[in-house]
C-alpha atoms as a PDB file:
ATOM      1  CA  MET A   1      32.979 128.781 264.533  1.00  0.00           C
ATOM      2  CA  LEU A   2      35.975 130.759 264.156  1.00  0.00           C
ATOM      3  CA  THR A   3      37.324 131.429 260.675  1.00  0.00           C
ATOM      4  CA  THR A   4      40.828 132.612 259.755  1.00  0.00           C
ATOM      5  CA  GLY A   5      41.565 132.658 256.065  1.00  0.00           C
ATOM      6  CA  ILE A   6      40.970 129.235 254.504  1.00  0.00           C
ATOM      7  CA  SER A   7      41.108 127.153 257.680  1.00  0.00           C
ATOM      8  CA  SER A   8      38.471 127.129 260.297  1.00  0.00           C
ATOM      9  CA  VAL A   9      38.405 125.825 264.037  1.00  0.00           C
ATOM     10  CA  SER A  10      35.450 124.977 266.095  1.00  0.00           C
ATOM     11  CA  ALA A  11      35.766 125.446 269.720  1.00  0.00           C
ATOM     12  CA  ASP A  12      34.057 123.033 272.302  1.00  0.00           C
ATOM     13  CA  GLU A  13      33.533 126.106 274.392  1.00  0.00           C
ATOM     14  CA  TRP A  14      34.156 129.700 273.781  1.00  0.00           C
ATOM     15  CA  SER A  15      33.696 132.614 276.124  1.00  0.00           C
ATOM     16  CA  ASN A  16      33.899 136.314 275.654  1.00  0.00           C
ATOM     17  CA  GLU A  17      34.238 139.183 277.986  1.00  0.00           C
ATOM     18  CA  VAL A  18      34.023 142.864 277.251  1.00  0.00           C
ATOM     19  CA  SER A  19      34.386 145.644 279.783  1.00  0.00           C
ATOM     20  CA  SER A  20      34.699 149.351 279.861  1.00  0.00           C
ATOM     21  CA  PHE A  21      35.819 151.843 282.433  1.00  0.00           C
ATOM     22  CA  TYR A  22      35.342 155.673 282.871  1.00  0.00           C
ATOM     23  CA  TYR A  23      36.898 157.836 285.627  1.00  0.00           C
ATOM     24  CA  SER A  24      37.030 161.474 285.796  1.00  0.00           C
ATOM     25  CA  GLU A  25      38.196 163.839 288.487  1.00  0.00           C
ATOM     26  CA  HIS A  26      38.004 167.801 288.808  1.00  0.00           C
ATOM     27  CA  SER A  27      39.997 169.847 290.981  1.00  0.00           C
ATOM     28  CA  GLY A  28      38.670 172.660 293.137  1.00  0.00           C
ATOM     29  CA  ASP A  29      39.620 175.356 290.733  1.00  0.00           C
ATOM     30  CA  ASP A  30      37.422 173.739 287.867  1.00  0.00           C
ATOM     31  CA  VAL A  31      40.341 172.088 285.932  1.00  0.00           C
ATOM     32  CA  ASP A  32      39.798 168.671 284.446  1.00  0.00           C
ATOM     33  CA  ARG A  33      42.208 167.001 286.851  1.00  0.00           C
ATOM     34  CA  ILE A  34      42.131 163.473 285.162  1.00  0.00           C
ATOM     35  CA  LYS A  35      40.248 161.388 282.944  1.00  0.00           C
ATOM     36  CA  ASP A  36      40.674 157.652 282.331  1.00  0.00           C
ATOM     37  CA  VAL A  37      38.720 155.733 279.589  1.00  0.00           C
ATOM     38  CA  SER A  38      39.525 152.005 279.093  1.00  0.00           C
ATOM     39  CA  LEU A  39      38.017 149.272 276.810  1.00  0.00           C
ATOM     40  CA  LYS A  40      39.127 145.640 277.484  1.00  0.00           C
ATOM     41  CA  TYR A  41      38.384 142.399 275.647  1.00  0.00           C
ATOM     42  CA  LYS A  42      39.096 138.762 276.800  1.00  0.00           C
ATOM     43  CA  GLY A  43      38.311 135.653 274.852  1.00  0.00           C
ATOM     44  CA  ILE A  44      38.875 131.974 275.886  1.00  0.00           C
ATOM     45  CA  GLY A  45      38.442 128.905 273.734  1.00  0.00           C
ATOM     46  CA  SER A  46      38.538 125.391 274.923  1.00  0.00           C
ATOM     47  CA  PHE A  47      39.241 122.544 272.475  1.00  0.00           C
ATOM     48  CA  ASP A  48      39.438 118.945 272.780  1.00  0.00           C
ATOM     49  CA  SER A  49      37.784 118.817 276.143  1.00  0.00           C
ATOM     50  CA  GLY A  50      40.067 121.413 277.782  1.00  0.00           C
ATOM     51  CA  ASP A  51      43.311 119.786 276.335  1.00  0.00           C
ATOM     52  CA  GLU A  52      43.917 122.931 274.348  1.00  0.00           C
ATOM     53  CA  VAL A  53      43.022 126.434 275.527  1.00  0.00           C
ATOM     54  CA  ILE A  54      43.400 129.583 273.581  1.00  0.00           C
ATOM     55  CA  THR A  55      43.165 132.944 275.415  1.00  0.00           C
ATOM     56  CA  SER A  56      43.320 136.266 273.742  1.00  0.00           C
ATOM     57  CA  ASN A  57      43.322 139.872 275.362  1.00  0.00           C
ATOM     58  CA  ALA A  58      43.038 143.174 273.943  1.00  0.00           C
ATOM     59  CA  SER A  59      42.881 146.651 275.531  1.00  0.00           C
ATOM     60  CA  LEU A  60      42.808 150.246 274.759  1.00  0.00           C
ATOM     61  CA  ASP A  61      43.471 152.793 277.580  1.00  0.00           C
ATOM     62  CA  THR A  62      43.494 156.762 277.581  1.00  0.00           C
ATOM     63  CA  LEU A  63      44.633 158.774 280.282  1.00  0.00           C
ATOM     64  CA  THR A  64      44.413 162.670 280.002  1.00  0.00           C
ATOM     65  CA  GLY A  65      44.416 165.549 282.536  1.00  0.00           C
ATOM     66  CA  ALA A  66      46.495 168.068 284.494  1.00  0.00           C
ATOM     67  CA  SER A  67      48.649 167.532 287.556  1.00  0.00           C
ATOM     68  CA  PRO A  68      49.948 169.971 289.919  1.00  0.00           C
ATOM     69  CA  THR A  69      53.612 170.594 289.251  1.00  0.00           C
ATOM     70  CA  GLY A  70      54.453 171.101 292.898  1.00  0.00           C
ATOM     71  CA  THR A  71      55.878 174.472 292.518  1.00  0.00           C
ATOM     72  CA  VAL A  72      55.411 177.269 295.160  1.00  0.00           C
ATOM     73  CA  PRO A  73      52.673 179.589 293.967  1.00  0.00           C
ATOM     74  CA  SER A  74      54.220 182.816 292.946  1.00  0.00           C
ATOM     75  CA  VAL A  75      51.919 185.979 292.626  1.00  0.00           C
ATOM     76  CA  GLY A  76      52.893 188.054 289.571  1.00  0.00           C
ATOM     77  CA  THR A  77      56.118 185.980 288.786  1.00  0.00           C
ATOM     78  CA  VAL A  78      56.525 183.503 285.835  1.00  0.00           C
ATOM     79  CA  GLN A  79      58.535 180.423 286.592  1.00  0.00           C
ATOM     80  CA  VAL A  80      59.726 178.105 283.855  1.00  0.00           C
ATOM     81  CA  MET A  81      60.157 174.279 284.657  1.00  0.00           C
ATOM     82  CA  THR A  82      61.198 171.308 282.711  1.00  0.00           C
ATOM     83  CA  SER A  83      58.632 168.433 282.097  1.00  0.00           C
ATOM     84  CA  PRO A  84      59.521 164.736 282.498  1.00  0.00           C
ATOM     85  CA  SER A  85      59.678 164.365 278.731  1.00  0.00           C
ATOM     86  CA  GLY A  86      61.994 167.394 278.410  1.00  0.00           C
ATOM     87  CA  GLY A  87      59.423 169.941 277.366  1.00  0.00           C
ATOM     88  CA  ALA A  88      58.973 173.456 279.017  1.00  0.00           C
ATOM     89  CA  LEU A  89      56.150 174.322 281.340  1.00  0.00           C
ATOM     90  CA  ILE A  90      55.527 178.029 282.151  1.00  0.00           C
ATOM     91  CA  SER A  91      53.869 178.649 285.396  1.00  0.00           C
ATOM     92  CA  ASN A  92      50.697 180.415 286.033  1.00  0.00           C
ATOM     93  CA  PRO A  93      51.533 183.570 287.946  1.00  0.00           C
ATOM     94  CA  ASN A  94      48.173 183.855 289.541  1.00  0.00           C
ATOM     95  CA  GLY A  95      47.482 180.219 290.854  1.00  0.00           C
ATOM     96  CA  ILE A  96      48.397 176.694 290.981  1.00  0.00           C
ATOM     97  CA  ASP A  97      50.534 175.393 288.208  1.00  0.00           C
ATOM     98  CA  TYR A  98      49.352 172.329 286.335  1.00  0.00           C
ATOM     99  CA  GLY A  99      51.244 170.179 283.798  1.00  0.00           C
ATOM    100  CA  ASN A 100      49.085 168.650 281.105  1.00  0.00           C
ATOM    101  CA  PHE A 101      49.504 165.025 280.078  1.00  0.00           C
ATOM    102  CA  ASN A 102      47.782 162.541 277.799  1.00  0.00           C
ATOM    103  CA  ASP A 103      48.607 159.021 276.657  1.00  0.00           C
ATOM    104  CA  THR A 104      46.953 156.126 274.948  1.00  0.00           C
ATOM    105  CA  ARG A 105      48.040 152.494 275.410  1.00  0.00           C
ATOM    106  CA  VAL A 106      47.148 149.760 272.960  1.00  0.00           C
ATOM    107  CA  ALA A 107      47.730 146.108 274.027  1.00  0.00           C
ATOM    108  CA  PHE A 108      47.129 142.647 272.793  1.00  0.00           C
ATOM    109  CA  SER A 109      48.075 139.129 273.963  1.00  0.00           C
ATOM    110  CA  ALA A 110      47.345 135.593 272.912  1.00  0.00           C
ATOM    111  CA  ASN A 111      48.371 132.200 274.449  1.00  0.00           C
ATOM    112  CA  LEU A 112      47.972 128.656 273.519  1.00  0.00           C
ATOM    113  CA  ASP A 113      48.011 126.254 276.578  1.00  0.00           C
ATOM    114  CA  LYS A 114      48.099 122.486 275.527  1.00  0.00           C
ATOM    115  CA  ALA A 115      48.154 119.205 277.442  1.00  0.00           C
ATOM    116  CA  LEU A 116      51.214 117.306 276.339  1.00  0.00           C
ATOM    117  CA  ASN A 117      51.624 113.496 276.828  1.00  0.00           C
ATOM    118  CA  ASP A 118      49.480 113.367 279.963  1.00  0.00           C
ATOM    119  CA  LYS A 119      46.947 115.744 281.577  1.00  0.00           C
ATOM    120  CA  TYR A 120      49.453 116.706 284.236  1.00  0.00           C
ATOM    121  CA  LEU A 121      52.060 118.107 281.811  1.00  0.00           C
ATOM    122  CA  ARG A 122      51.158 121.297 279.872  1.00  0.00           C
ATOM    123  CA  GLY A 123      52.913 123.460 277.370  1.00  0.00           C
ATOM    124  CA  ASN A 124      52.267 127.225 276.868  1.00  0.00           C
ATOM    125  CA  ILE A 125      53.206 129.520 274.032  1.00  0.00           C
ATOM    126  CA  GLY A 126      52.189 133.155 273.664  1.00  0.00           C
ATOM    127  CA  ILE A 127      52.822 136.673 272.156  1.00  0.00           C
ATOM    128  CA  SER A 128      52.173 139.989 273.545  1.00  0.00           C
ATOM    129  CA  PHE A 129      52.293 143.621 272.274  1.00  0.00           C
ATOM    130  CA  SER A 130      51.860 147.023 273.917  1.00  0.00           C
ATOM    131  CA  GLU A 131      52.395 150.512 272.712  1.00  0.00           C
ATOM    132  CA  GLU A 132      52.288 153.893 274.304  1.00  0.00           C
ATOM    133  CA  LYS A 133      53.461 157.282 273.399  1.00  0.00           C
ATOM    134  CA  ASP A 134      56.930 156.591 274.766  1.00  0.00           C
ATOM    135  CA  TYR A 135      56.986 152.834 275.353  1.00  0.00           C
ATOM    136  CA  GLN A 136      56.807 149.770 273.100  1.00  0.00           C
ATOM    137  CA  HIS A 137      56.739 146.051 274.065  1.00  0.00           C
ATOM    138  CA  LYS A 138      56.904 142.885 272.079  1.00  0.00           C
ATOM    139  CA  GLY A 139      57.141 139.635 273.702  1.00  0.00           C
ATOM    140  CA  ILE A 140      57.139 135.877 273.271  1.00  0.00           C
ATOM    141  CA  THR A 141      56.477 133.389 276.056  1.00  0.00           C
ATOM    142  CA  VAL A 142      57.220 129.688 276.212  1.00  0.00           C
ATOM    143  CA  SER A 143      56.617 127.522 279.249  1.00  0.00           C
ATOM    144  CA  LEU A 144      56.065 124.043 280.667  1.00  0.00           C
ATOM    145  CA  SER A 145      54.103 123.212 283.860  1.00  0.00           C
ATOM    146  CA  LYS A 146      53.733 119.959 285.815  1.00  0.00           C
ATOM    147  CA  GLU A 147      50.998 119.210 288.251  1.00  0.00           C
ATOM    148  CA  LEU A 148      51.994 117.230 291.217  1.00  0.00           C
ATOM    149  CA  ASN A 149      50.446 115.986 294.542  1.00  0.00           C
ATOM    150  CA  ASN A 150      46.817 115.682 293.280  1.00  0.00           C
ATOM    151  CA  CYS A 151      47.257 119.061 291.550  1.00  0.00           C
ATOM    152  CA  ASN A 152      48.191 120.638 294.808  1.00  0.00           C
ATOM    153  CA  THR A 153      51.710 121.573 293.628  1.00  0.00           C
ATOM    154  CA  THR A 154      52.607 122.968 290.227  1.00  0.00           C
ATOM    155  CA  LEU A 155      56.102 123.214 288.923  1.00  0.00           C
ATOM    156  CA  SER A 156      56.752 125.688 285.955  1.00  0.00           C
ATOM    157  CA  LEU A 157      59.663 126.286 283.702  1.00  0.00           C
ATOM    158  CA  GLY A 158      59.678 129.273 281.441  1.00  0.00           C
END
């Protein structure tokens, strides 16, 4: 049973999936080259024997590390470079230069897919949101789809 506020909805079938991902890489000179940690959730609820389907997704991703800047190593000389976000990077006069980065992304989406006047015509409405350090997305989607040729062809609008 799902409960929101005063109203409640009972799904015929509800499935949940949770996953995690961890990746780490070190460079030859003992620098944490990159680290990626991700958590994901997906829930699907089926109502009225599949005539209505609710899908929700949520994710949290973090990415940190250091990337070679591509400058030519210079012994004893300091170089100043501009980073992609406008910051300054000062070179390592005795080795390979690395530019540090870190970012976190939070994302959520929810969709309702519903059979309309027959089982071959469906409507879908959804919302989505994603945010990173330098980017934000807010979206709404509306679509119609029609199954033809014994469900071997689907026409979609939206």
